[in-house]
Amino acid sequence: MMSKYVFILLLVWGIPSTFFRSKFRKIVYQTDDWKINIKPLFFKELKALFFNIFPGNNDYIKVRNQYRLYLVVYLFLFIIYVLIK
């Protein structure tokens, strides 16, 4: 029963993922083109997530930290779901 609630919570928490990832990718790849959301460009994105590739860009740092927090909560919910299932 509890796993159903956590699964629903995972689905609801996953809804804003497209917003966070899109905003992050647009800063990392320095584009406003909507097609950046469907392109499988991962290396630079992962590097930007774990390291500081634009140290002087405050927007990048703010969005990166928000995206990191979002992903940590998502990972935490997933681990809980796996453990109680």
C-alpha atoms as a PDB file:
ATOM      1  CA  MET A   1       0.000   0.000   0.000  1.00  0.00           C
ATOM      2  CA  MET A   2       2.774   2.426   0.948  1.00  0.00           C
ATOM      3  CA  SER A   3       4.640   1.667  -2.287  1.00  0.00           C
ATOM      4  CA  LYS A   4       1.639   2.942  -4.284  1.00  0.00           C
ATOM      5  CA  TYR A   5       1.810   6.287  -2.503  1.00  0.00           C
ATOM      6  CA  VAL A   6       5.539   6.592  -3.070  1.00  0.00           C
ATOM      7  CA  PHE A   7       5.080   5.624  -6.736  1.00  0.00           C
ATOM      8  CA  ILE A   8       2.449   8.344  -7.161  1.00  0.00           C
ATOM      9  CA  LEU A   9       4.767  10.782  -5.402  1.00  0.00           C
ATOM     10  CA  LEU A  10       7.547   9.805  -7.838  1.00  0.00           C
ATOM     11  CA  LEU A  11       5.258  10.477 -10.794  1.00  0.00           C
ATOM     12  CA  VAL A  12       4.162  13.847  -9.437  1.00  0.00           C
ATOM     13  CA  TRP A  13       7.730  14.826  -8.558  1.00  0.00           C
ATOM     14  CA  GLY A  14       8.798  13.881 -12.093  1.00  0.00           C
ATOM     15  CA  ILE A  15       6.485  16.387 -13.763  1.00  0.00           C
ATOM     16  CA  PRO A  16       8.743  19.456 -13.366  1.00  0.00           C
ATOM     17  CA  SER A  17      11.815  17.537 -14.542  1.00  0.00           C
ATOM     18  CA  THR A  18      11.402  18.772 -18.110  1.00  0.00           C
ATOM     19  CA  PHE A  19      11.363  22.378 -16.905  1.00  0.00           C
ATOM     20  CA  PHE A  20      14.510  22.025 -14.782  1.00  0.00           C
ATOM     21  CA  ARG A  21      16.427  20.038 -17.391  1.00  0.00           C
ATOM     22  CA  SER A  22      15.440  22.374 -20.214  1.00  0.00           C
ATOM     23  CA  LYS A  23      16.520  25.448 -18.286  1.00  0.00           C
ATOM     24  CA  PHE A  24      19.805  23.795 -17.286  1.00  0.00           C
ATOM     25  CA  ARG A  25      20.590  22.528 -20.786  1.00  0.00           C
ATOM     26  CA  LYS A  26      19.879  25.916 -22.369  1.00  0.00           C
ATOM     27  CA  ILE A  27      22.475  27.502 -20.104  1.00  0.00           C
ATOM     28  CA  VAL A  28      25.033  24.700 -20.531  1.00  0.00           C
ATOM     29  CA  TYR A  29      24.788  24.540 -24.326  1.00  0.00           C
ATOM     30  CA  GLN A  30      24.240  28.314 -24.584  1.00  0.00           C
ATOM     31  CA  THR A  31      21.155  28.190 -26.775  1.00  0.00           C
ATOM     32  CA  ASP A  32      17.469  29.107 -26.621  1.00  0.00           C
ATOM     33  CA  ASP A  33      16.489  26.555 -29.254  1.00  0.00           C
ATOM     34  CA  TRP A  34      13.742  24.176 -28.081  1.00  0.00           C
ATOM     35  CA  LYS A  35      15.443  21.256 -29.868  1.00  0.00           C
ATOM     36  CA  ILE A  36      18.088  21.115 -27.135  1.00  0.00           C
ATOM     37  CA  ASN A  37      15.516  19.228 -25.050  1.00  0.00           C
ATOM     38  CA  ILE A  38      15.384  16.279 -27.445  1.00  0.00           C
ATOM     39  CA  LYS A  39      19.046  16.047 -28.428  1.00  0.00           C
ATOM     40  CA  PRO A  40      21.053  13.357 -26.629  1.00  0.00           C
ATOM     41  CA  LEU A  41      24.023  15.510 -25.628  1.00  0.00           C
ATOM     42  CA  PHE A  42      25.088  14.180 -22.251  1.00  0.00           C
ATOM     43  CA  PHE A  43      28.813  14.601 -21.602  1.00  0.00           C
ATOM     44  CA  LYS A  44      28.884  18.378 -21.296  1.00  0.00           C
ATOM     45  CA  GLU A  45      25.639  18.313 -19.314  1.00  0.00           C
ATOM     46  CA  LEU A  46      27.031  15.811 -16.808  1.00  0.00           C
ATOM     47  CA  LYS A  47      30.263  17.734 -16.543  1.00  0.00           C
ATOM     48  CA  ALA A  48      28.278  20.917 -15.857  1.00  0.00           C
ATOM     49  CA  LEU A  49      26.168  19.149 -13.243  1.00  0.00           C
ATOM     50  CA  PHE A  50      29.098  17.819 -11.218  1.00  0.00           C
ATOM     51  CA  PHE A  51      31.692  20.529 -11.847  1.00  0.00           C
ATOM     52  CA  ASN A  52      31.701  24.304 -12.289  1.00  0.00           C
ATOM     53  CA  ILE A  53      32.183  24.937 -16.001  1.00  0.00           C
ATOM     54  CA  PHE A  54      30.965  28.569 -15.883  1.00  0.00           C
ATOM     55  CA  PRO A  55      32.341  29.951 -12.599  1.00  0.00           C
ATOM     56  CA  GLY A  56      31.381  33.572 -13.334  1.00  0.00           C
ATOM     57  CA  ASN A  57      27.821  32.841 -14.453  1.00  0.00           C
ATOM     58  CA  ASN A  58      25.512  33.279 -11.460  1.00  0.00           C
ATOM     59  CA  ASP A  59      22.445  32.083 -13.411  1.00  0.00           C
ATOM     60  CA  TYR A  60      24.221  28.830 -14.223  1.00  0.00           C
ATOM     61  CA  ILE A  61      25.236  28.275 -10.592  1.00  0.00           C
ATOM     62  CA  LYS A  62      21.705  29.005  -9.342  1.00  0.00           C
ATOM     63  CA  VAL A  63      20.018  26.731 -11.904  1.00  0.00           C
ATOM     64  CA  ARG A  64      22.629  23.997 -11.392  1.00  0.00           C
ATOM     65  CA  ASN A  65      22.070  23.998  -7.646  1.00  0.00           C
ATOM     66  CA  GLN A  66      18.280  23.889  -8.079  1.00  0.00           C
ATOM     67  CA  TYR A  67      18.618  21.009 -10.546  1.00  0.00           C
ATOM     68  CA  ARG A  68      20.978  19.158  -8.189  1.00  0.00           C
ATOM     69  CA  LEU A  69      18.513  19.511  -5.315  1.00  0.00           C
ATOM     70  CA  TYR A  70      15.673  18.334  -7.518  1.00  0.00           C
ATOM     71  CA  LEU A  71      17.666  15.268  -8.620  1.00  0.00           C
ATOM     72  CA  VAL A  72      18.734  14.416  -5.056  1.00  0.00           C
ATOM     73  CA  VAL A  73      15.107  14.425  -3.893  1.00  0.00           C
ATOM     74  CA  TYR A  74      14.134  12.350  -6.933  1.00  0.00           C
ATOM     75  CA  LEU A  75      16.890   9.835  -6.157  1.00  0.00           C
ATOM     76  CA  PHE A  76      15.849   9.706  -2.503  1.00  0.00           C
ATOM     77  CA  LEU A  77      12.218   8.989  -3.466  1.00  0.00           C
ATOM     78  CA  PHE A  78      13.341   6.292  -5.900  1.00  0.00           C
ATOM     79  CA  ILE A  79      15.494   4.600  -3.250  1.00  0.00           C
ATOM     80  CA  ILE A  80      12.579   4.638  -0.802  1.00  0.00           C
ATOM     81  CA  TYR A  81      10.312   3.134  -3.463  1.00  0.00           C
ATOM     82  CA  VAL A  82      12.790   0.345  -4.227  1.00  0.00           C
ATOM     83  CA  LEU A  83      13.333  -0.440  -0.563  1.00  0.00           C
ATOM     84  CA  ILE A  84       9.641  -0.651   0.403  1.00  0.00           C
ATOM     85  CA  LYS A  85       8.542  -2.541  -2.696  1.00  0.00           C
END
